[in-house]
Amino acid sequence: MLTWLGIKNNTQEQPARQFFGRSKKKTVTLTLIGALWLLWCVPVVVKALLPEAWGNDPVGAVMPGLIGILVAVLMVMVVERLDWDKQPPR
């Protein structure tokens, strides 16, 4: 029905892959530490770049934290995907 969107009803079930399934503990640890660092660093930089009047507005006060969360989650997802693509299939 939705094949024009690229959605197909495959009869073959592909096994679900585990997030960071084939990664070493060191890679996972460094990735999560990097995400925590970004979670702290990005809001500090965004607050420094925004005018001070934005801190008084409720939306402007929350925005640096939300941007930090989005950047940290995106970084974890990209690193996991790069690590998955780098490793040979089993």
N, C-alpha and C. Protein backbone atom coordinates (compact mmCIF):
# COMPACT_ATOMS: atom_id res chain seq x y z
N MET A 1 0.82 -1.19 0.00
CA MET A 1 0.00 0.00 0.00
C MET A 1 0.87 1.26 0.00
N LEU A 2 1.94 1.27 0.77
CA LEU A 2 2.79 2.45 0.85
C LEU A 2 4.13 2.21 0.17
N THR A 3 4.13 1.44 -0.90
CA THR A 3 5.39 1.15 -1.58
C THR A 3 5.97 2.38 -2.26
N TRP A 4 5.15 3.34 -2.60
CA TRP A 4 5.67 4.54 -3.23
C TRP A 4 6.49 5.37 -2.24
N LEU A 5 6.35 5.11 -0.92
CA LEU A 5 7.18 5.76 0.09
C LEU A 5 8.42 4.95 0.42
N GLY A 6 8.52 3.76 -0.17
CA GLY A 6 9.65 2.91 0.12
C GLY A 6 9.38 1.94 1.26
N ILE A 7 8.14 1.90 1.74
CA ILE A 7 7.76 0.99 2.82
C ILE A 7 7.24 -0.28 2.18
N LYS A 8 7.92 -1.37 2.48
CA LYS A 8 7.53 -2.66 1.91
C LYS A 8 7.20 -3.63 3.03
N ASN A 9 6.35 -4.57 2.72
CA ASN A 9 6.00 -5.61 3.68
C ASN A 9 6.90 -6.81 3.40
N ASN A 10 8.07 -6.82 4.04
CA ASN A 10 9.00 -7.92 3.84
C ASN A 10 8.54 -9.13 4.62
N THR A 11 8.55 -10.27 3.97
CA THR A 11 8.19 -11.49 4.66
C THR A 11 9.38 -12.04 5.43
N GLN A 12 10.58 -11.63 5.05
CA GLN A 12 11.78 -12.09 5.76
C GLN A 12 12.04 -11.15 6.93
N GLU A 13 12.05 -11.72 8.12
CA GLU A 13 12.32 -10.93 9.31
C GLU A 13 13.82 -10.77 9.49
N GLN A 14 14.27 -9.55 9.60
CA GLN A 14 15.68 -9.30 9.88
C GLN A 14 15.86 -9.24 11.39
N PRO A 15 16.91 -9.88 11.90
CA PRO A 15 17.10 -9.84 13.35
C PRO A 15 17.44 -8.43 13.81
N ALA A 16 16.87 -8.06 14.94
CA ALA A 16 17.13 -6.73 15.49
C ALA A 16 18.55 -6.69 16.02
N ARG A 17 19.23 -5.59 15.76
CA ARG A 17 20.60 -5.47 16.26
C ARG A 17 20.59 -4.68 17.55
N GLN A 18 21.44 -5.10 18.46
CA GLN A 18 21.52 -4.47 19.76
C GLN A 18 22.36 -3.19 19.66
N PHE A 19 21.93 -2.16 20.37
CA PHE A 19 22.64 -0.89 20.38
C PHE A 19 23.99 -1.10 21.04
N PHE A 20 25.08 -0.73 20.38
CA PHE A 20 26.45 -0.97 20.81
C PHE A 20 26.68 -2.47 21.05
N GLY A 21 26.06 -3.30 20.22
CA GLY A 21 26.12 -4.75 20.42
C GLY A 21 27.50 -5.34 20.20
N ARG A 22 28.21 -4.90 19.17
CA ARG A 22 29.52 -5.47 18.86
C ARG A 22 30.67 -4.55 19.27
N SER A 23 30.40 -3.59 20.11
CA SER A 23 31.44 -2.63 20.50
C SER A 23 32.16 -3.10 21.76
N LYS A 24 33.38 -2.62 21.89
CA LYS A 24 34.15 -2.91 23.10
C LYS A 24 33.67 -2.01 24.23
N LYS A 25 33.93 -2.44 25.46
CA LYS A 25 33.52 -1.64 26.62
C LYS A 25 34.23 -0.29 26.63
N LYS A 26 35.47 -0.27 26.17
CA LYS A 26 36.23 0.98 26.14
C LYS A 26 35.57 1.98 25.20
N THR A 27 35.11 1.51 24.05
CA THR A 27 34.44 2.39 23.08
C THR A 27 33.16 2.95 23.66
N VAL A 28 32.38 2.10 24.30
CA VAL A 28 31.11 2.54 24.89
C VAL A 28 31.37 3.55 26.01
N THR A 29 32.36 3.25 26.86
CA THR A 29 32.68 4.14 27.97
C THR A 29 33.14 5.51 27.47
N LEU A 30 34.04 5.52 26.50
CA LEU A 30 34.53 6.80 25.96
C LEU A 30 33.42 7.58 25.26
N THR A 31 32.54 6.87 24.57
CA THR A 31 31.42 7.54 23.90
C THR A 31 30.49 8.19 24.91
N LEU A 32 30.16 7.47 25.97
CA LEU A 32 29.25 8.03 26.97
C LEU A 32 29.90 9.16 27.77
N ILE A 33 31.19 9.05 28.04
CA ILE A 33 31.89 10.15 28.71
C ILE A 33 31.92 11.38 27.80
N GLY A 34 32.16 11.17 26.51
CA GLY A 34 32.12 12.28 25.56
C GLY A 34 30.75 12.91 25.47
N ALA A 35 29.70 12.08 25.55
CA ALA A 35 28.33 12.62 25.51
C ALA A 35 28.04 13.44 26.76
N LEU A 36 28.51 12.97 27.92
CA LEU A 36 28.33 13.77 29.14
C LEU A 36 29.09 15.09 29.07
N TRP A 37 30.27 15.05 28.50
CA TRP A 37 31.05 16.27 28.34
C TRP A 37 30.31 17.25 27.41
N LEU A 38 29.78 16.73 26.30
CA LEU A 38 29.01 17.60 25.40
C LEU A 38 27.75 18.12 26.06
N LEU A 39 27.13 17.28 26.89
CA LEU A 39 25.91 17.68 27.59
C LEU A 39 26.17 18.86 28.53
N TRP A 40 27.39 18.96 29.04
CA TRP A 40 27.76 20.09 29.89
C TRP A 40 28.28 21.27 29.07
N CYS A 41 29.09 20.98 28.05
CA CYS A 41 29.81 22.01 27.32
C CYS A 41 28.92 22.82 26.37
N VAL A 42 28.03 22.14 25.67
CA VAL A 42 27.20 22.83 24.65
C VAL A 42 26.31 23.90 25.29
N PRO A 43 25.60 23.64 26.38
CA PRO A 43 24.80 24.72 26.97
C PRO A 43 25.63 25.91 27.44
N VAL A 44 26.83 25.64 27.95
CA VAL A 44 27.70 26.75 28.38
C VAL A 44 28.06 27.63 27.19
N VAL A 45 28.41 27.01 26.07
CA VAL A 45 28.78 27.78 24.88
C VAL A 45 27.56 28.52 24.32
N VAL A 46 26.41 27.85 24.29
CA VAL A 46 25.20 28.51 23.76
C VAL A 46 24.80 29.69 24.65
N LYS A 47 24.90 29.52 25.98
CA LYS A 47 24.58 30.64 26.87
C LYS A 47 25.53 31.81 26.66
N ALA A 48 26.79 31.51 26.35
CA ALA A 48 27.75 32.58 26.11
C ALA A 48 27.46 33.31 24.79
N LEU A 49 26.91 32.59 23.83
CA LEU A 49 26.65 33.20 22.52
C LEU A 49 25.32 33.96 22.47
N LEU A 50 24.34 33.53 23.27
CA LEU A 50 23.04 34.20 23.25
C LEU A 50 23.09 35.49 24.06
N PRO A 51 22.28 36.46 23.67
CA PRO A 51 22.19 37.68 24.48
C PRO A 51 21.63 37.37 25.87
N GLU A 52 21.98 38.18 26.84
CA GLU A 52 21.59 37.92 28.22
C GLU A 52 20.08 38.04 28.42
N ALA A 53 19.41 38.79 27.58
CA ALA A 53 17.96 38.95 27.71
C ALA A 53 17.22 37.64 27.44
N TRP A 54 17.83 36.73 26.69
CA TRP A 54 17.18 35.45 26.42
C TRP A 54 17.07 34.61 27.67
N GLY A 55 17.94 34.83 28.65
CA GLY A 55 17.89 34.08 29.90
C GLY A 55 16.67 34.39 30.73
N ASN A 56 16.06 35.54 30.51
CA ASN A 56 14.85 35.93 31.25
C ASN A 56 13.60 35.31 30.66
N ASP A 57 13.63 34.97 29.40
CA ASP A 57 12.49 34.35 28.73
C ASP A 57 12.48 32.86 29.05
N PRO A 58 11.32 32.28 29.38
CA PRO A 58 11.28 30.85 29.73
C PRO A 58 11.78 29.93 28.60
N VAL A 59 11.42 30.24 27.38
CA VAL A 59 11.86 29.41 26.25
C VAL A 59 13.36 29.59 26.03
N GLY A 60 13.83 30.79 26.11
CA GLY A 60 15.25 31.05 25.91
C GLY A 60 16.12 30.47 27.01
N ALA A 61 15.57 30.36 28.22
CA ALA A 61 16.34 29.78 29.31
C ALA A 61 16.50 28.27 29.19
N VAL A 62 15.53 27.61 28.57
CA VAL A 62 15.55 26.15 28.42
C VAL A 62 16.29 25.72 27.16
N MET A 63 16.36 26.60 26.18
CA MET A 63 16.92 26.24 24.88
C MET A 63 18.36 25.72 24.93
N PRO A 64 19.28 26.32 25.68
CA PRO A 64 20.65 25.78 25.69
C PRO A 64 20.73 24.34 26.19
N GLY A 65 19.94 24.00 27.19
CA GLY A 65 19.92 22.63 27.69
C GLY A 65 19.37 21.65 26.67
N LEU A 66 18.31 22.05 25.98
CA LEU A 66 17.74 21.19 24.95
C LEU A 66 18.70 20.97 23.79
N ILE A 67 19.39 22.02 23.41
CA ILE A 67 20.39 21.88 22.34
C ILE A 67 21.50 20.94 22.79
N GLY A 68 21.91 21.04 24.06
CA GLY A 68 22.94 20.14 24.59
C GLY A 68 22.50 18.69 24.57
N ILE A 69 21.27 18.44 24.96
CA ILE A 69 20.74 17.07 24.94
C ILE A 69 20.69 16.53 23.52
N LEU A 70 20.19 17.33 22.59
CA LEU A 70 20.11 16.88 21.20
C LEU A 70 21.49 16.59 20.61
N VAL A 71 22.46 17.44 20.89
CA VAL A 71 23.81 17.22 20.37
C VAL A 71 24.42 15.96 20.97
N ALA A 72 24.22 15.73 22.27
CA ALA A 72 24.77 14.54 22.92
C ALA A 72 24.15 13.26 22.38
N VAL A 73 22.83 13.25 22.21
CA VAL A 73 22.15 12.06 21.67
C VAL A 73 22.58 11.82 20.22
N LEU A 74 22.68 12.87 19.44
CA LEU A 74 23.11 12.72 18.05
C LEU A 74 24.54 12.19 17.98
N MET A 75 25.41 12.67 18.86
CA MET A 75 26.79 12.18 18.87
C MET A 75 26.85 10.70 19.21
N VAL A 76 26.07 10.25 20.19
CA VAL A 76 26.06 8.84 20.56
C VAL A 76 25.56 7.99 19.40
N MET A 77 24.52 8.43 18.73
CA MET A 77 23.97 7.67 17.61
C MET A 77 24.94 7.59 16.44
N VAL A 78 25.62 8.69 16.14
CA VAL A 78 26.57 8.71 15.02
C VAL A 78 27.78 7.83 15.33
N VAL A 79 28.30 7.93 16.56
CA VAL A 79 29.46 7.11 16.92
C VAL A 79 29.10 5.63 16.91
N GLU A 80 27.91 5.29 17.39
CA GLU A 80 27.49 3.89 17.38
C GLU A 80 27.38 3.38 15.95
N ARG A 81 26.82 4.18 15.07
CA ARG A 81 26.67 3.75 13.68
C ARG A 81 28.03 3.63 12.99
N LEU A 82 28.93 4.56 13.22
CA LEU A 82 30.26 4.47 12.64
C LEU A 82 31.00 3.23 13.15
N ASP A 83 30.83 2.93 14.44
CA ASP A 83 31.46 1.75 15.01
C ASP A 83 30.86 0.47 14.42
N TRP A 84 29.55 0.47 14.20
CA TRP A 84 28.88 -0.69 13.61
C TRP A 84 29.37 -0.92 12.17
N ASP A 85 29.49 0.15 11.41
CA ASP A 85 29.92 0.03 10.02
C ASP A 85 31.39 -0.36 9.91
N LYS A 86 32.20 0.00 10.90
CA LYS A 86 33.62 -0.27 10.86
C LYS A 86 33.92 -1.76 11.10
N GLN A 87 33.11 -2.42 11.89
CA GLN A 87 33.36 -3.81 12.26
C GLN A 87 32.87 -4.77 11.18
N PRO A 88 33.59 -5.87 10.96
CA PRO A 88 33.18 -6.83 9.94
C PRO A 88 31.91 -7.56 10.38
N PRO A 89 31.08 -7.96 9.43
CA PRO A 89 29.84 -8.68 9.79
C PRO A 89 30.17 -10.06 10.37
N ARG A 90 29.30 -10.53 11.24
CA ARG A 90 29.49 -11.85 11.86
C ARG A 90 28.67 -12.89 11.18
